[in-house]
Structure formats: C-alpha cells, structure tokens
Amino acid sequence: MSDLPPLATGGMSPRGTTTVVRIDEPKIDPADKKILCAAMCKCEKAPNVGADGKQLKQACVAENFKGLDRLLSYRSPFKQEVNYDMTQRPPAPIMDSRSDTKVHDYLPAWIRKYWGSKPEHGQSYKPGTGLIRRPDVVIVKDPSKPPTQDNIKQIVEMKFPPDSLSEEQENAYRIIGGKGKLVTLQPAHCDCDSSEPKDPKMPVEELGFAAAAAMWIAYILTKGKTPRPPLSPAPPLVPVF
C-alpha cells in the first residue's frame, strides 16, 4: 500500500488541463509566491529557445533564479537546482568549496573529486540510481547559511504542463526537506493567463526579473525598512544577465 497522501482533483486551468492538488500540500508564503510566480509567468510567456526551436521554460526559470543569486552575492533565499547527496542522513547539499551558500556549478567535477570520500558512497557513482537528487527551487530560512534540512523553509517544484512530479522525485524531495515542506507550482496557480491577475505583478519586463526580485526580497527581509518596490512601470535598469 502506498503511504503517499490522498489526491484531490482541482478545476480546469485556462489551458483546459486538470490541475491535481494534494489535500495536505502546504501553501506557499504569499511573499515567496509573488517572486516564484513572477519567474514562472515570465518563462511561460517568453521561454528560452533551444537550437532546435524547442521551448525551454524550465531552463528559463533556472537562469533567472541563478541570476538572482549572483546579484545577491549568493545570499538569495531562493536556491535553484541544488544537488543533494542522498547517501547522507539528512541528504547533504553539494555546494561550492569556497562558499557554502553558492550552489556547486559543475556536478561531474564534484563527483570525480569527492565521490567515495564517505563510507556511504560505496565503490563508484552510478548515474540514474537516485544517489543524487536536484529539486527545482529550495527556499531557505536564513540566506547566510547553506540549504541544509534545518535551514529549508520550503521545496518548490515548478512544473510546466505536461511535465509532472514523479513518485521517485516526490519521495526524495520529502526526505531532503523533511515533513510538510514540498509543494508544486504551475502557471495555473499564478494567474499567468489572466489579463487581470488578482495580485499586482512585479514589473519584470522593465526591471529584469533578478533586479525586481532582489528589490522585493530586500523589502521583505527588512520588514519594510527598505523602499517598497514599484508595481507600476519603472525606468529600465542595466540587465543583470
């Protein structure tokens, strides 16, 4: 028998696809959701495009959040595509050796250098066996510390239909984050197709995602002590990418 929580089928999204929602899935903090949805809607409407013409929406999200982390000197609360060593308990984030808040840039090099350094690693690394897992976005409680389990606020899987979360991914990410921290986010949850969204959106077209998100993060983390970011069009800034 599966020990996964029961499912509830939501309504139809604007695209005519059914959104599946877990009954006990935690909600995303409204301030976090504003920033996540800004990236999701931007990449839904203007994704990266591969050499073969394929839309690369997930790559677009990754690029934006990695740019945000660079802009904030790797102190962003939103960590994109952190690899976790699943042989450790709890799973250990794979970070840059010079900065424990910077995600390691090149996993193969880390594997060549460090795999086998711990007894749990075994003889050799075997790709595709779940030894290393990589969630989409890890939100940390304290951006000055690495995304270890005790510092994880939430794990967010950002899924563009028809992509979905596999059972293996779900089980692994629940182990990484601990109880009650995994949530999925889709364009339908962000009103990306609405001409009049419920909440005002950040002016990502004018500011650039990373710059706009950084302004909101500063505003949120200082509890409003920095100037409130604009919700209306603002003069363009120098691109951060």
Protein backbone atom coordinates (compact mmCIF):
# COMPACT_ATOMS: atom_id res chain seq x y z
CA MET A 1 0.00 0.00 0.00
CA SER A 2 1.24 3.46 -0.84
CA ASP A 3 1.95 5.81 2.07
CA LEU A 4 1.52 8.86 -0.17
CA PRO A 5 -1.18 11.39 0.81
CA PRO A 6 -4.55 11.33 -0.96
CA LEU A 7 -5.14 13.37 -4.09
CA ALA A 8 -7.82 15.90 -4.90
CA THR A 9 -8.58 16.94 -8.46
CA GLY A 10 -8.78 20.69 -8.93
CA GLY A 11 -10.59 22.70 -11.57
CA MET A 12 -9.66 23.22 -15.17
CA SER A 13 -6.82 25.62 -15.88
CA PRO A 14 -7.18 28.25 -18.61
CA ARG A 15 -5.45 25.79 -20.97
CA GLY A 16 -8.09 23.14 -20.38
CA THR A 17 -5.84 20.81 -18.38
CA THR A 18 -6.79 19.47 -14.96
CA THR A 19 -4.63 20.62 -12.06
CA VAL A 20 -4.03 17.90 -9.46
CA VAL A 21 -3.64 19.24 -5.93
CA ARG A 22 -2.64 17.26 -2.86
CA ILE A 23 -5.08 17.76 0.00
CA ASP A 24 -2.34 18.19 2.61
CA GLU A 25 0.10 20.09 0.41
CA PRO A 26 1.40 23.14 2.31
CA LYS A 27 0.73 26.62 0.98
CA ILE A 28 3.47 28.87 -0.33
CA ASP A 29 4.15 32.02 1.64
CA PRO A 30 2.47 34.89 -0.28
CA ALA A 31 5.69 36.91 -0.45
CA ASP A 32 7.60 33.91 -1.81
CA LYS A 33 4.81 33.10 -4.25
CA LYS A 34 4.95 36.63 -5.70
CA ILE A 35 8.59 36.11 -6.69
CA LEU A 36 8.15 32.49 -7.84
CA CYS A 37 5.16 33.42 -9.98
CA ALA A 38 7.00 36.37 -11.50
CA ALA A 39 9.60 33.93 -12.84
CA MET A 40 7.05 31.29 -13.82
CA CYS A 41 4.84 33.69 -15.78
CA LYS A 42 7.82 35.35 -17.45
CA CYS A 43 9.14 31.97 -18.62
CA GLU A 44 5.68 30.72 -19.60
CA LYS A 45 5.25 33.68 -21.95
CA ALA A 46 8.85 34.21 -23.11
CA PRO A 47 10.83 30.99 -22.56
CA ASN A 48 14.37 30.27 -23.63
CA VAL A 49 14.55 28.62 -27.06
CA GLY A 50 16.94 25.79 -27.90
CA ALA A 51 18.91 25.38 -31.12
CA ASP A 52 16.20 23.00 -32.36
CA GLY A 53 13.48 25.59 -31.68
CA LYS A 54 12.20 23.80 -28.58
CA GLN A 55 10.85 25.98 -25.77
CA LEU A 56 12.98 25.65 -22.65
CA LYS A 57 10.74 27.00 -19.91
CA GLN A 58 12.46 25.16 -17.07
CA ALA A 59 15.85 26.40 -18.23
CA CYS A 60 14.44 29.93 -18.27
CA VAL A 61 13.36 29.64 -14.62
CA ALA A 62 16.76 28.24 -13.64
CA GLU A 63 18.58 31.06 -15.43
CA ASN A 64 16.51 33.73 -13.69
CA PHE A 65 16.94 32.37 -10.17
CA LYS A 66 20.65 31.73 -10.66
CA GLY A 67 20.98 35.32 -11.86
CA LEU A 68 19.15 36.49 -8.76
CA ASP A 69 21.53 34.52 -6.52
CA ARG A 70 24.56 36.05 -8.26
CA LEU A 71 23.06 39.53 -7.92
CA LEU A 72 22.70 38.99 -4.17
CA SER A 73 26.25 37.62 -3.78
CA TYR A 74 24.85 34.09 -3.35
CA ARG A 75 22.69 35.18 -0.41
CA SER A 76 19.33 34.75 -2.12
CA PRO A 77 16.71 32.79 -0.14
CA PHE A 78 15.79 31.09 -3.45
CA LYS A 79 18.33 28.40 -4.35
CA GLN A 80 17.92 26.94 -7.83
CA GLU A 81 18.77 23.32 -8.68
CA VAL A 82 20.75 22.36 -5.59
CA ASN A 83 22.15 18.84 -5.91
CA TYR A 84 21.79 16.71 -2.77
CA ASP A 85 23.89 13.70 -1.79
CA MET A 86 21.13 11.23 -0.92
CA THR A 87 23.50 8.79 0.79
CA GLN A 88 23.77 11.17 3.76
CA ARG A 89 21.17 11.49 6.52
CA PRO A 90 19.75 14.01 6.13
CA PRO A 91 20.75 14.48 2.48
CA ALA A 92 23.65 16.94 2.15
CA PRO A 93 23.61 19.87 -0.30
CA ILE A 94 26.51 19.97 -2.75
CA MET A 95 27.90 23.50 -2.52
CA ASP A 96 30.94 25.39 -3.77
CA SER A 97 34.06 24.67 -1.68
CA ARG A 98 34.78 28.43 -1.41
CA SER A 99 31.25 29.48 -0.41
CA ASP A 100 28.74 27.30 1.40
CA THR A 101 25.83 29.43 0.11
CA LYS A 102 26.79 29.06 -3.56
CA VAL A 103 25.46 26.04 -5.43
CA HIS A 104 28.25 23.97 -6.98
CA ASP A 105 28.48 24.90 -10.67
CA TYR A 106 29.54 21.56 -12.17
CA LEU A 107 28.34 18.29 -10.64
CA PRO A 108 30.59 15.91 -12.69
CA ALA A 109 33.69 17.64 -11.32
CA TRP A 110 32.38 17.29 -7.74
CA ILE A 111 31.66 13.60 -8.31
CA ARG A 112 35.16 12.98 -9.69
CA LYS A 113 36.78 14.77 -6.76
CA TYR A 114 34.61 13.83 -3.80
CA TRP A 115 32.56 10.70 -4.56
CA GLY A 116 33.96 7.88 -2.44
CA SER A 117 35.12 10.23 0.32
CA LYS A 118 32.37 8.91 2.61
CA PRO A 119 31.65 5.27 3.53
CA GLU A 120 28.04 5.56 2.34
CA HIS A 121 29.15 6.36 -1.22
CA GLY A 122 30.20 2.81 -2.00
CA GLN A 123 32.69 1.87 -4.72
CA SER A 124 31.66 4.18 -7.57
CA TYR A 125 28.96 6.64 -8.55
CA LYS A 126 26.14 5.15 -10.63
CA PRO A 127 24.10 7.71 -12.59
CA GLY A 128 20.33 7.37 -12.66
CA THR A 129 20.08 5.42 -9.40
CA GLY A 130 18.89 8.28 -7.16
CA LEU A 131 22.19 8.77 -5.36
CA ILE A 132 21.96 12.49 -6.16
CA ARG A 133 18.69 14.42 -6.46
CA ARG A 134 18.07 18.01 -7.56
CA PRO A 135 14.83 19.85 -6.68
CA ASP A 136 13.85 22.91 -8.73
CA VAL A 137 13.88 25.59 -6.02
CA VAL A 138 14.84 25.39 -2.35
CA ILE A 139 13.73 28.34 -0.23
CA VAL A 140 15.95 28.80 2.82
CA LYS A 141 15.12 30.39 6.15
CA ASP A 142 18.50 32.11 6.53
CA PRO A 143 20.19 33.11 3.24
CA SER A 144 23.56 33.43 5.01
CA LYS A 145 23.60 29.68 5.66
CA PRO A 146 23.64 26.66 3.29
CA PRO A 147 20.41 24.87 2.27
CA THR A 148 20.69 22.05 4.80
CA GLN A 149 17.49 20.41 6.03
CA ASP A 150 17.35 22.50 9.20
CA ASN A 151 17.54 25.68 7.09
CA ILE A 152 14.96 24.67 4.46
CA LYS A 153 11.74 26.65 4.57
CA GLN A 154 10.19 25.00 1.51
CA ILE A 155 11.00 22.97 -1.58
CA VAL A 156 9.11 24.14 -4.67
CA GLU A 157 8.79 22.07 -7.82
CA MET A 158 7.92 24.46 -10.66
CA LYS A 159 6.17 22.40 -13.31
CA PHE A 160 5.07 23.48 -16.77
CA PRO A 161 2.43 21.11 -18.20
CA PRO A 162 2.71 18.39 -19.36
CA ASP A 163 5.71 17.95 -17.04
CA SER A 164 4.79 16.47 -13.67
CA LEU A 165 6.39 15.31 -10.43
CA SER A 166 7.29 11.61 -10.41
CA GLU A 167 6.77 9.42 -7.37
CA GLU A 168 10.54 8.93 -7.07
CA GLN A 169 11.13 12.68 -7.11
CA GLU A 170 8.39 13.30 -4.58
CA ASN A 171 9.73 10.72 -2.14
CA ALA A 172 13.29 12.04 -2.48
CA TYR A 173 12.33 15.68 -2.02
CA ARG A 174 10.30 14.86 1.09
CA ILE A 175 13.43 13.21 2.51
CA ILE A 176 15.54 16.26 1.59
CA GLY A 177 13.22 18.84 3.10
CA GLY A 178 11.63 16.95 5.92
CA LYS A 179 7.93 16.77 6.74
CA GLY A 180 5.50 19.26 5.22
CA LYS A 181 7.89 21.29 3.06
CA LEU A 182 7.31 20.06 -0.51
CA VAL A 183 4.93 21.99 -2.77
CA THR A 184 4.34 22.14 -6.52
CA LEU A 185 3.69 25.30 -8.53
CA GLN A 186 2.18 25.54 -12.02
CA PRO A 187 1.29 28.50 -14.26
CA ALA A 188 -2.38 27.95 -13.41
CA HIS A 189 -1.58 28.71 -9.75
CA CYS A 190 -0.09 32.07 -10.75
CA ASP A 191 -2.88 33.51 -12.94
CA CYS A 192 -0.36 33.69 -15.77
CA ASP A 193 -3.17 33.59 -18.35
CA SER A 194 -5.32 36.19 -16.66
CA SER A 195 -5.45 39.66 -18.17
CA GLU A 196 -6.29 40.98 -14.72
CA PRO A 197 -4.40 38.91 -12.12
CA LYS A 198 -5.60 39.02 -8.55
CA ASP A 199 -2.31 40.44 -7.26
CA PRO A 200 -0.27 43.17 -8.95
CA LYS A 201 2.81 41.74 -10.61
CA MET A 202 6.36 42.99 -10.39
CA PRO A 203 7.41 44.93 -13.49
CA VAL A 204 9.77 42.20 -14.67
CA GLU A 205 9.71 43.41 -18.25
CA GLU A 206 11.02 46.82 -17.25
CA LEU A 207 13.36 45.88 -14.39
CA GLY A 208 14.53 42.43 -15.36
CA PHE A 209 13.50 39.51 -13.14
CA ALA A 210 16.57 39.38 -10.92
CA ALA A 211 16.65 43.11 -10.21
CA ALA A 212 12.91 43.25 -9.46
CA ALA A 213 13.05 40.14 -7.28
CA ALA A 214 16.07 41.46 -5.38
CA MET A 215 14.15 44.65 -4.56
CA TRP A 216 11.22 42.62 -3.22
CA ILE A 217 13.48 40.31 -1.23
CA ALA A 218 15.20 43.30 0.41
CA TYR A 219 11.80 44.78 1.23
CA ILE A 220 10.56 41.50 2.73
CA LEU A 221 13.69 40.62 4.72
CA THR A 222 13.93 44.11 6.26
CA LYS A 223 10.23 44.04 7.13
CA GLY A 224 9.52 47.11 5.03
CA LYS A 225 12.53 49.19 6.10
CA THR A 226 13.76 49.46 2.50
CA PRO A 227 11.65 51.31 -0.12
CA ARG A 228 8.67 49.32 -1.37
CA PRO A 229 9.40 48.11 -4.92
CA PRO A 230 7.28 49.66 -7.69
CA LEU A 231 4.22 47.87 -9.00
CA SER A 232 3.84 50.21 -11.96
CA PRO A 233 6.23 50.64 -14.91
CA ALA A 234 9.65 51.95 -13.92
CA PRO A 235 12.71 53.09 -15.90
CA PRO A 236 14.76 50.15 -17.23
CA LEU A 237 17.83 49.05 -15.33
CA VAL A 238 21.06 47.61 -16.65
CA PRO A 239 20.48 43.91 -17.45
CA VAL A 240 21.90 41.54 -14.84
CA PHE A 241 22.50 38.62 -17.19
